[in-house]
All heavy atoms as atom14 arrays in JSON, in Angstrom:
{
  "sequence": "MIIRETDNEKKIKYVNLEDHSIFNSPWYYLQPNDIVYVLS",
  "atom14_mask": [
    [1, 1, 1, 1, 1, 1, 1, 1, 0, 0, 0, 0, 0, 0],
    [1, 1, 1, 1, 1, 1, 1, 1, 0, 0, 0, 0, 0, 0],
    [1, 1, 1, 1, 1, 1, 1, 1, 0, 0, 0, 0, 0, 0],
    [1, 1, 1, 1, 1, 1, 1, 1, 1, 1, 1, 0, 0, 0],
    [1, 1, 1, 1, 1, 1, 1, 1, 1, 0, 0, 0, 0, 0],
    [1, 1, 1, 1, 1, 1, 1, 0, 0, 0, 0, 0, 0, 0],
    [1, 1, 1, 1, 1, 1, 1, 1, 0, 0, 0, 0, 0, 0],
    [1, 1, 1, 1, 1, 1, 1, 1, 0, 0, 0, 0, 0, 0],
    [1, 1, 1, 1, 1, 1, 1, 1, 1, 0, 0, 0, 0, 0],
    [1, 1, 1, 1, 1, 1, 1, 1, 1, 0, 0, 0, 0, 0],
    [1, 1, 1, 1, 1, 1, 1, 1, 1, 0, 0, 0, 0, 0],
    [1, 1, 1, 1, 1, 1, 1, 1, 0, 0, 0, 0, 0, 0],
    [1, 1, 1, 1, 1, 1, 1, 1, 1, 0, 0, 0, 0, 0],
    [1, 1, 1, 1, 1, 1, 1, 1, 1, 1, 1, 1, 0, 0],
    [1, 1, 1, 1, 1, 1, 1, 0, 0, 0, 0, 0, 0, 0],
    [1, 1, 1, 1, 1, 1, 1, 1, 0, 0, 0, 0, 0, 0],
    [1, 1, 1, 1, 1, 1, 1, 1, 0, 0, 0, 0, 0, 0],
    [1, 1, 1, 1, 1, 1, 1, 1, 1, 0, 0, 0, 0, 0],
    [1, 1, 1, 1, 1, 1, 1, 1, 0, 0, 0, 0, 0, 0],
    [1, 1, 1, 1, 1, 1, 1, 1, 1, 1, 0, 0, 0, 0],
    [1, 1, 1, 1, 1, 1, 0, 0, 0, 0, 0, 0, 0, 0],
    [1, 1, 1, 1, 1, 1, 1, 1, 0, 0, 0, 0, 0, 0],
    [1, 1, 1, 1, 1, 1, 1, 1, 1, 1, 1, 0, 0, 0],
    [1, 1, 1, 1, 1, 1, 1, 1, 0, 0, 0, 0, 0, 0],
    [1, 1, 1, 1, 1, 1, 0, 0, 0, 0, 0, 0, 0, 0],
    [1, 1, 1, 1, 1, 1, 1, 0, 0, 0, 0, 0, 0, 0],
    [1, 1, 1, 1, 1, 1, 1, 1, 1, 1, 1, 1, 1, 1],
    [1, 1, 1, 1, 1, 1, 1, 1, 1, 1, 1, 1, 0, 0],
    [1, 1, 1, 1, 1, 1, 1, 1, 1, 1, 1, 1, 0, 0],
    [1, 1, 1, 1, 1, 1, 1, 1, 0, 0, 0, 0, 0, 0],
    [1, 1, 1, 1, 1, 1, 1, 1, 1, 0, 0, 0, 0, 0],
    [1, 1, 1, 1, 1, 1, 1, 0, 0, 0, 0, 0, 0, 0],
    [1, 1, 1, 1, 1, 1, 1, 1, 0, 0, 0, 0, 0, 0],
    [1, 1, 1, 1, 1, 1, 1, 1, 0, 0, 0, 0, 0, 0],
    [1, 1, 1, 1, 1, 1, 1, 1, 0, 0, 0, 0, 0, 0],
    [1, 1, 1, 1, 1, 1, 1, 0, 0, 0, 0, 0, 0, 0],
    [1, 1, 1, 1, 1, 1, 1, 1, 1, 1, 1, 1, 0, 0],
    [1, 1, 1, 1, 1, 1, 1, 0, 0, 0, 0, 0, 0, 0],
    [1, 1, 1, 1, 1, 1, 1, 1, 0, 0, 0, 0, 0, 0],
    [1, 1, 1, 1, 1, 1, 0, 0, 0, 0, 0, 0, 0, 0]
  ],
  "atom14_positions": [
    [[-2.59, -2.35, -9.04], [-3.46, -2.95, -8.03], [-2.64, -3.44, -6.83], [-1.63, -4.11, -7.0], [-4.25, -4.12, -8.62], [-5.17, -4.82, -7.61], [-5.84, -6.39, -8.23], [-6.85, -5.84, -9.61], [0.0, 0.0, 0.0], [0.0, 0.0, 0.0], [0.0, 0.0, 0.0], [0.0, 0.0, 0.0], [0.0, 0.0, 0.0], [0.0, 0.0, 0.0]],
    [[-3.1, -3.08, -5.63], [-2.5, -3.58, -4.4], [-3.57, -4.31, -3.6], [-4.64, -3.76, -3.35], [-1.9, -2.44, -3.55], [-0.83, -1.7, -4.35], [-1.31, -3.0, -2.25], [-0.26, -0.5, -3.62], [0.0, 0.0, 0.0], [0.0, 0.0, 0.0], [0.0, 0.0, 0.0], [0.0, 0.0, 0.0], [0.0, 0.0, 0.0], [0.0, 0.0, 0.0]],
    [[-3.3, -5.55, -3.23], [-4.23, -6.36, -2.44], [-3.63, -6.53, -1.05], [-2.5, -7.01, -0.9], [-4.46, -7.73, -3.1], [-4.96, -7.56, -4.53], [-5.45, -8.56, -2.29], [-5.03, -8.85, -5.32], [0.0, 0.0, 0.0], [0.0, 0.0, 0.0], [0.0, 0.0, 0.0], [0.0, 0.0, 0.0], [0.0, 0.0, 0.0], [0.0, 0.0, 0.0]],
    [[-4.39, -6.13, -0.04], [-3.88, -6.14, 1.33], [-4.84, -6.91, 2.24], [-6.04, -6.67, 2.21], [-3.69, -4.71, 1.84], [-3.19, -4.61, 3.28], [-2.78, -3.18, 3.58], [-1.66, -2.79, 2.72], [-1.21, -1.54, 2.6], [-1.81, -0.58, 3.27], [-0.19, -1.27, 1.81], [0.0, 0.0, 0.0], [0.0, 0.0, 0.0], [0.0, 0.0, 0.0]],
    [[-4.29, -7.81, 3.02], [-5.1, -8.59, 3.96], [-5.04, -7.96, 5.34], [-3.98, -7.73, 5.9], [-4.57, -10.03, 4.02], [-5.42, -10.95, 4.89], [-4.96, -12.39, 4.83], [-4.2, -12.74, 3.91], [-5.37, -13.18, 5.69], [0.0, 0.0, 0.0], [0.0, 0.0, 0.0], [0.0, 0.0, 0.0], [0.0, 0.0, 0.0], [0.0, 0.0, 0.0]],
    [[-6.23, -7.64, 5.87], [-6.32, -7.08, 7.22], [-7.36, -7.87, 7.99], [-8.53, -7.92, 7.6], [-6.73, -5.59, 7.18], [-7.97, -5.45, 6.48], [-5.67, -4.76, 6.48], [0.0, 0.0, 0.0], [0.0, 0.0, 0.0], [0.0, 0.0, 0.0], [0.0, 0.0, 0.0], [0.0, 0.0, 0.0], [0.0, 0.0, 0.0], [0.0, 0.0, 0.0]],
    [[-6.94, -8.49, 9.07], [-7.82, -9.34, 9.87], [-8.45, -10.4, 8.98], [-7.75, -11.23, 8.42], [-8.88, -8.49, 10.58], [-8.24, -7.51, 11.57], [-7.2, -7.87, 12.14], [-8.76, -6.39, 11.72], [0.0, 0.0, 0.0], [0.0, 0.0, 0.0], [0.0, 0.0, 0.0], [0.0, 0.0, 0.0], [0.0, 0.0, 0.0], [0.0, 0.0, 0.0]],
    [[-9.79, -10.35, 8.82], [-10.48, -11.38, 8.03], [-10.99, -10.85, 6.7], [-11.95, -11.4, 6.14], [-11.65, -11.95, 8.84], [-11.19, -12.71, 10.07], [-10.17, -13.4, 10.03], [-11.93, -12.57, 11.16], [0.0, 0.0, 0.0], [0.0, 0.0, 0.0], [0.0, 0.0, 0.0], [0.0, 0.0, 0.0], [0.0, 0.0, 0.0], [0.0, 0.0, 0.0]],
    [[-10.4, -9.79, 6.19], [-10.85, -9.24, 4.91], [-9.65, -8.85, 4.05], [-8.55, -8.65, 4.55], [-11.75, -8.02, 5.13], [-11.06, -6.87, 5.83], [-12.0, -5.7, 6.06], [-13.21, -5.85, 5.82], [-11.51, -4.62, 6.47], [0.0, 0.0, 0.0], [0.0, 0.0, 0.0], [0.0, 0.0, 0.0], [0.0, 0.0, 0.0], [0.0, 0.0, 0.0]],
    [[-9.92, -8.74, 2.75], [-8.9, -8.29, 1.81], [-9.34, -6.95, 1.22], [-10.47, -6.82, 0.75], [-8.69, -9.31, 0.69], [-7.99, -10.59, 1.15], [-7.69, -11.49, -0.02], [-7.03, -12.78, 0.42], [-5.7, -12.58, 0.98], [0.0, 0.0, 0.0], [0.0, 0.0, 0.0], [0.0, 0.0, 0.0], [0.0, 0.0, 0.0], [0.0, 0.0, 0.0]],
    [[-8.46, -5.98, 1.27], [-8.73, -4.67, 0.69], [-7.97, -4.55, -0.63], [-6.82, -4.97, -0.73], [-8.31, -3.55, 1.64], [-9.12, -3.52, 2.94], [-8.67, -2.36, 3.82], [-9.49, -2.29, 5.1], [-9.05, -1.17, 5.98], [0.0, 0.0, 0.0], [0.0, 0.0, 0.0], [0.0, 0.0, 0.0], [0.0, 0.0, 0.0], [0.0, 0.0, 0.0]],
    [[-8.63, -3.95, -1.63], [-8.02, -3.77, -2.94], [-7.98, -2.27, -3.26], [-9.0, -1.59, -3.16], [-8.79, -4.53, -4.03], [-8.78, -6.03, -3.73], [-8.18, -4.25, -5.41], [-9.63, -6.85, -4.67], [0.0, 0.0, 0.0], [0.0, 0.0, 0.0], [0.0, 0.0, 0.0], [0.0, 0.0, 0.0], [0.0, 0.0, 0.0], [0.0, 0.0, 0.0]],
    [[-6.8, -1.79, -3.63], [-6.62, -0.37, -3.91], [-5.84, -0.22, -5.2], [-4.88, -0.96, -5.46], [-5.85, 0.29, -2.76], [-5.51, 1.75, -2.98], [-6.73, 2.63, -2.87], [-6.33, 4.11, -2.93], [-7.5, 4.99, -2.85], [0.0, 0.0, 0.0], [0.0, 0.0, 0.0], [0.0, 0.0, 0.0], [0.0, 0.0, 0.0], [0.0, 0.0, 0.0]],
    [[-6.26, 0.75, -6.04], [-5.52, 1.07, -7.25], [-4.75, 2.37, -7.02], [-5.33, 3.36, -6.56], [-6.46, 1.23, -8.45], [-7.1, -0.06, -8.9], [-8.35, -0.45, -8.43], [-6.44, -0.91, -9.79], [-8.93, -1.64, -8.84], [-7.01, -2.1, -10.2], [-8.26, -2.46, -9.73], [-8.82, -3.63, -10.14], [0.0, 0.0, 0.0], [0.0, 0.0, 0.0]],
    [[-3.45, 2.37, -7.34], [-2.64, 3.57, -7.18], [-2.11, 4.0, -8.55], [-1.89, 3.17, -9.45], [-1.47, 3.34, -6.2], [-2.0, 3.01, -4.82], [-0.54, 2.23, -6.68], [0.0, 0.0, 0.0], [0.0, 0.0, 0.0], [0.0, 0.0, 0.0], [0.0, 0.0, 0.0], [0.0, 0.0, 0.0], [0.0, 0.0, 0.0], [0.0, 0.0, 0.0]],
    [[-1.9, 5.3, -8.69], [-1.48, 5.89, -9.95], [-0.04, 6.38, -9.82], [0.22, 7.36, -9.13], [-2.41, 7.05, -10.32], [-2.07, 7.66, -11.67], [-1.13, 7.24, -12.34], [-2.84, 8.65, -12.08], [0.0, 0.0, 0.0], [0.0, 0.0, 0.0], [0.0, 0.0, 0.0], [0.0, 0.0, 0.0], [0.0, 0.0, 0.0], [0.0, 0.0, 0.0]],
    [[0.89, 5.71, -10.49], [2.29, 6.08, -10.4], [2.66, 7.2, -11.38], [3.8, 7.66, -11.39], [3.19, 4.87, -10.66], [3.03, 3.71, -9.67], [4.06, 2.64, -9.96], [3.16, 4.19, -8.24], [0.0, 0.0, 0.0], [0.0, 0.0, 0.0], [0.0, 0.0, 0.0], [0.0, 0.0, 0.0], [0.0, 0.0, 0.0], [0.0, 0.0, 0.0]],
    [[1.7, 7.65, -12.19], [1.93, 8.79, -13.06], [1.6, 10.09, -12.35], [1.92, 11.18, -12.84], [1.11, 8.66, -14.34], [1.53, 7.5, -15.22], [0.74, 7.44, -16.52], [-0.14, 8.31, -16.7], [1.02, 6.56, -17.33], [0.0, 0.0, 0.0], [0.0, 0.0, 0.0], [0.0, 0.0, 0.0], [0.0, 0.0, 0.0], [0.0, 0.0, 0.0]],
    [[0.94, 9.99, -11.2], [0.52, 11.16, -10.43], [1.34, 11.23, -9.14], [1.42, 10.25, -8.39], [-0.97, 11.05, -10.1], [-1.55, 12.35, -9.58], [-0.82, 13.07, -8.86], [-2.72, 12.66, -9.87], [0.0, 0.0, 0.0], [0.0, 0.0, 0.0], [0.0, 0.0, 0.0], [0.0, 0.0, 0.0], [0.0, 0.0, 0.0], [0.0, 0.0, 0.0]],
    [[1.95, 12.39, -8.87], [2.82, 12.49, -7.7], [2.06, 12.44, -6.38], [2.67, 12.38, -5.32], [3.67, 13.77, -7.76], [2.87, 15.03, -7.65], [2.22, 15.6, -8.72], [2.62, 15.82, -6.58], [1.61, 16.71, -8.31], [1.83, 16.86, -7.02], [0.0, 0.0, 0.0], [0.0, 0.0, 0.0], [0.0, 0.0, 0.0], [0.0, 0.0, 0.0]],
    [[0.72, 12.44, -6.44], [-0.06, 12.31, -5.2], [0.14, 10.95, -4.56], [-0.28, 10.74, -3.41], [-1.55, 12.54, -5.48], [-2.06, 11.55, -6.37], [0.0, 0.0, 0.0], [0.0, 0.0, 0.0], [0.0, 0.0, 0.0], [0.0, 0.0, 0.0], [0.0, 0.0, 0.0], [0.0, 0.0, 0.0], [0.0, 0.0, 0.0], [0.0, 0.0, 0.0]],
    [[0.78, 10.01, -5.26], [1.07, 8.7, -4.69], [1.9, 8.85, -3.42], [1.79, 8.05, -2.49], [1.83, 7.82, -5.73], [2.18, 6.44, -5.15], [3.09, 8.49, -6.21], [1.0, 5.6, -4.83], [0.0, 0.0, 0.0], [0.0, 0.0, 0.0], [0.0, 0.0, 0.0], [0.0, 0.0, 0.0], [0.0, 0.0, 0.0], [0.0, 0.0, 0.0]],
    [[2.72, 9.91, -3.34], [3.56, 10.12, -2.16], [2.73, 10.45, -0.92], [3.22, 10.32, 0.21], [4.57, 11.22, -2.4], [5.62, 10.87, -3.44], [5.71, 11.57, -4.63], [6.49, 9.81, -3.23], [6.66, 11.25, -5.57], [7.44, 9.48, -4.17], [7.53, 10.2, -5.35], [0.0, 0.0, 0.0], [0.0, 0.0, 0.0], [0.0, 0.0, 0.0]],
    [[1.49, 10.88, -1.12], [0.61, 11.21, 0.0], [-0.33, 10.06, 0.34], [-1.15, 10.18, 1.25], [-0.22, 12.46, -0.33], [0.66, 13.66, -0.65], [0.74, 14.08, -1.78], [1.3, 14.2, 0.37], [0.0, 0.0, 0.0], [0.0, 0.0, 0.0], [0.0, 0.0, 0.0], [0.0, 0.0, 0.0], [0.0, 0.0, 0.0], [0.0, 0.0, 0.0]],
    [[-0.23, 8.97, -0.39], [-1.15, 7.86, -0.2], [-0.68, 6.93, 0.91], [0.51, 6.6, 0.98], [-1.3, 7.07, -1.5], [-2.02, 5.87, -1.28], [0.0, 0.0, 0.0], [0.0, 0.0, 0.0], [0.0, 0.0, 0.0], [0.0, 0.0, 0.0], [0.0, 0.0, 0.0], [0.0, 0.0, 0.0], [0.0, 0.0, 0.0], [0.0, 0.0, 0.0]],
    [[-1.6, 6.49, 1.78], [-1.21, 5.49, 2.79], [-0.85, 4.14, 2.18], [-0.35, 3.27, 2.89], [-2.47, 5.39, 3.67], [-3.58, 5.85, 2.8], [-3.01, 6.88, 1.89], [0.0, 0.0, 0.0], [0.0, 0.0, 0.0], [0.0, 0.0, 0.0], [0.0, 0.0, 0.0], [0.0, 0.0, 0.0], [0.0, 0.0, 0.0], [0.0, 0.0, 0.0]],
    [[-1.07, 3.99, 0.88], [-0.71, 2.76, 0.19], [0.65, 2.86, -0.5], [1.08, 1.92, -1.17], [-1.78, 2.4, -0.84], [-3.09, 2.03, -0.22], [-4.0, 2.88, 0.36], [-3.64, 0.73, -0.07], [-5.08, 2.19, 0.84], [-4.89, 0.86, 0.59], [-3.21, -0.55, -0.44], [-5.7, -0.23, 0.89], [-4.03, -1.64, -0.15], [-5.25, -1.47, 0.51]],
    [[1.33, 3.99, -0.33], [2.65, 4.15, -0.95], [3.63, 3.13, -0.36], [4.44, 2.53, -1.08], [3.17, 5.57, -0.73], [4.59, 5.77, -1.22], [4.88, 5.77, -2.57], [5.63, 5.96, -0.31], [6.19, 5.95, -3.02], [6.94, 6.13, -0.75], [7.21, 6.13, -2.1], [8.5, 6.31, -2.54], [0.0, 0.0, 0.0], [0.0, 0.0, 0.0]],
    [[3.55, 2.93, 0.95], [4.38, 1.92, 1.6], [3.59, 0.62, 1.69], [2.48, 0.58, 2.22], [4.82, 2.36, 2.99], [5.99, 3.31, 2.95], [5.79, 4.67, 3.16], [7.28, 2.85, 2.7], [6.86, 5.55, 3.11], [8.34, 3.72, 2.65], [8.14, 5.06, 2.85], [9.19, 5.94, 2.8], [0.0, 0.0, 0.0], [0.0, 0.0, 0.0]],
    [[4.18, -0.45, 1.15], [3.55, -1.75, 1.21], [3.73, -2.34, 2.6], [4.65, -2.0, 3.32], [4.18, -2.68, 0.17], [4.09, -2.19, -1.28], [4.92, -3.09, -2.19], [2.64, -2.13, -1.75], [0.0, 0.0, 0.0], [0.0, 0.0, 0.0], [0.0, 0.0, 0.0], [0.0, 0.0, 0.0], [0.0, 0.0, 0.0], [0.0, 0.0, 0.0]],
    [[2.83, -3.23, 2.94], [2.89, -3.9, 4.23], [3.08, -5.4, 4.01], [2.88, -5.92, 2.91], [1.61, -3.62, 5.02], [1.45, -2.15, 5.4], [0.22, -1.9, 6.25], [-0.4, -2.82, 6.79], [-0.16, -0.63, 6.38], [0.0, 0.0, 0.0], [0.0, 0.0, 0.0], [0.0, 0.0, 0.0], [0.0, 0.0, 0.0], [0.0, 0.0, 0.0]],
    [[3.51, -6.11, 5.06], [3.78, -7.54, 4.9], [2.6, -8.29, 4.29], [1.45, -8.06, 4.64], [4.04, -8.0, 6.35], [4.55, -6.79, 7.04], [3.81, -5.64, 6.43], [0.0, 0.0, 0.0], [0.0, 0.0, 0.0], [0.0, 0.0, 0.0], [0.0, 0.0, 0.0], [0.0, 0.0, 0.0], [0.0, 0.0, 0.0], [0.0, 0.0, 0.0]],
    [[2.93, -9.15, 3.34], [1.98, -10.03, 2.64], [1.09, -9.3, 1.64], [0.11, -9.88, 1.16], [1.12, -10.8, 3.65], [1.97, -11.6, 4.63], [2.95, -12.23, 4.24], [1.62, -11.55, 5.9], [0.0, 0.0, 0.0], [0.0, 0.0, 0.0], [0.0, 0.0, 0.0], [0.0, 0.0, 0.0], [0.0, 0.0, 0.0], [0.0, 0.0, 0.0]],
    [[1.41, -8.05, 1.3], [0.71, -7.37, 0.22], [0.98, -8.06, -1.11], [2.05, -8.64, -1.31], [1.14, -5.91, 0.12], [0.44, -5.0, 1.12], [-0.43, -5.5, 1.85], [0.76, -3.8, 1.16], [0.0, 0.0, 0.0], [0.0, 0.0, 0.0], [0.0, 0.0, 0.0], [0.0, 0.0, 0.0], [0.0, 0.0, 0.0], [0.0, 0.0, 0.0]],
    [[0.01, -7.98, -2.0], [0.17, -8.48, -3.37], [0.06, -7.28, -4.31], [-0.91, -6.53, -4.26], [-0.9, -9.52, -3.73], [-0.79, -10.74, -2.8], [-0.78, -9.96, -5.19], [-1.93, -11.73, -2.98], [0.0, 0.0, 0.0], [0.0, 0.0, 0.0], [0.0, 0.0, 0.0], [0.0, 0.0, 0.0], [0.0, 0.0, 0.0], [0.0, 0.0, 0.0]],
    [[1.08, -7.09, -5.16], [1.08, -6.0, -6.13], [0.9, -6.6, -7.51], [1.71, -7.44, -7.95], [2.39, -5.19, -6.07], [2.37, -4.07, -7.1], [2.6, -4.62, -4.67], [0.0, 0.0, 0.0], [0.0, 0.0, 0.0], [0.0, 0.0, 0.0], [0.0, 0.0, 0.0], [0.0, 0.0, 0.0], [0.0, 0.0, 0.0], [0.0, 0.0, 0.0]],
    [[-0.18, -6.19, -8.18], [-0.48, -6.72, -9.52], [-0.44, -5.56, -10.52], [-1.24, -4.63, -10.42], [-1.85, -7.4, -9.53], [-2.21, -7.99, -10.89], [-1.43, -9.0, -11.45], [-3.32, -7.55, -11.59], [-1.75, -9.54, -12.68], [-3.65, -8.09, -12.81], [-2.86, -9.09, -13.36], [-3.17, -9.62, -14.57], [0.0, 0.0, 0.0], [0.0, 0.0, 0.0]],
    [[0.5, -5.63, -11.45], [0.65, -4.59, -12.47], [-0.18, -4.99, -13.69], [0.11, -6.01, -14.33], [2.13, -4.39, -12.85], [2.27, -3.3, -13.9], [2.95, -4.05, -11.61], [0.0, 0.0, 0.0], [0.0, 0.0, 0.0], [0.0, 0.0, 0.0], [0.0, 0.0, 0.0], [0.0, 0.0, 0.0], [0.0, 0.0, 0.0], [0.0, 0.0, 0.0]],
    [[-1.2, -4.21, -13.98], [-2.12, -4.53, -15.06], [-1.51, -4.26, -16.43], [-0.62, -3.42, -16.58], [-3.41, -3.73, -14.91], [-4.19, -3.93, -13.61], [-5.39, -2.99, -13.55], [-4.67, -5.38, -13.51], [0.0, 0.0, 0.0], [0.0, 0.0, 0.0], [0.0, 0.0, 0.0], [0.0, 0.0, 0.0], [0.0, 0.0, 0.0], [0.0, 0.0, 0.0]],
    [[-2.01, -4.97, -17.43], [-1.57, -4.78, -18.81], [-2.46, -3.77, -19.5], [-3.68, -3.76, -19.32], [-1.6, -6.12, -19.55], [-1.34, -5.93, -20.93], [0.0, 0.0, 0.0], [0.0, 0.0, 0.0], [0.0, 0.0, 0.0], [0.0, 0.0, 0.0], [0.0, 0.0, 0.0], [0.0, 0.0, 0.0], [0.0, 0.0, 0.0], [0.0, 0.0, 0.0]]
  ]
}
């Protein structure tokens, strides 16, 4: 899980690190103040 704050809203995105399509994702690079939560 990646939580990103943009203006007055928070966007939440789930990325799959088992799939190489992560390299094509705009969420591959984190931005300032992102929160990364690794689920159990």
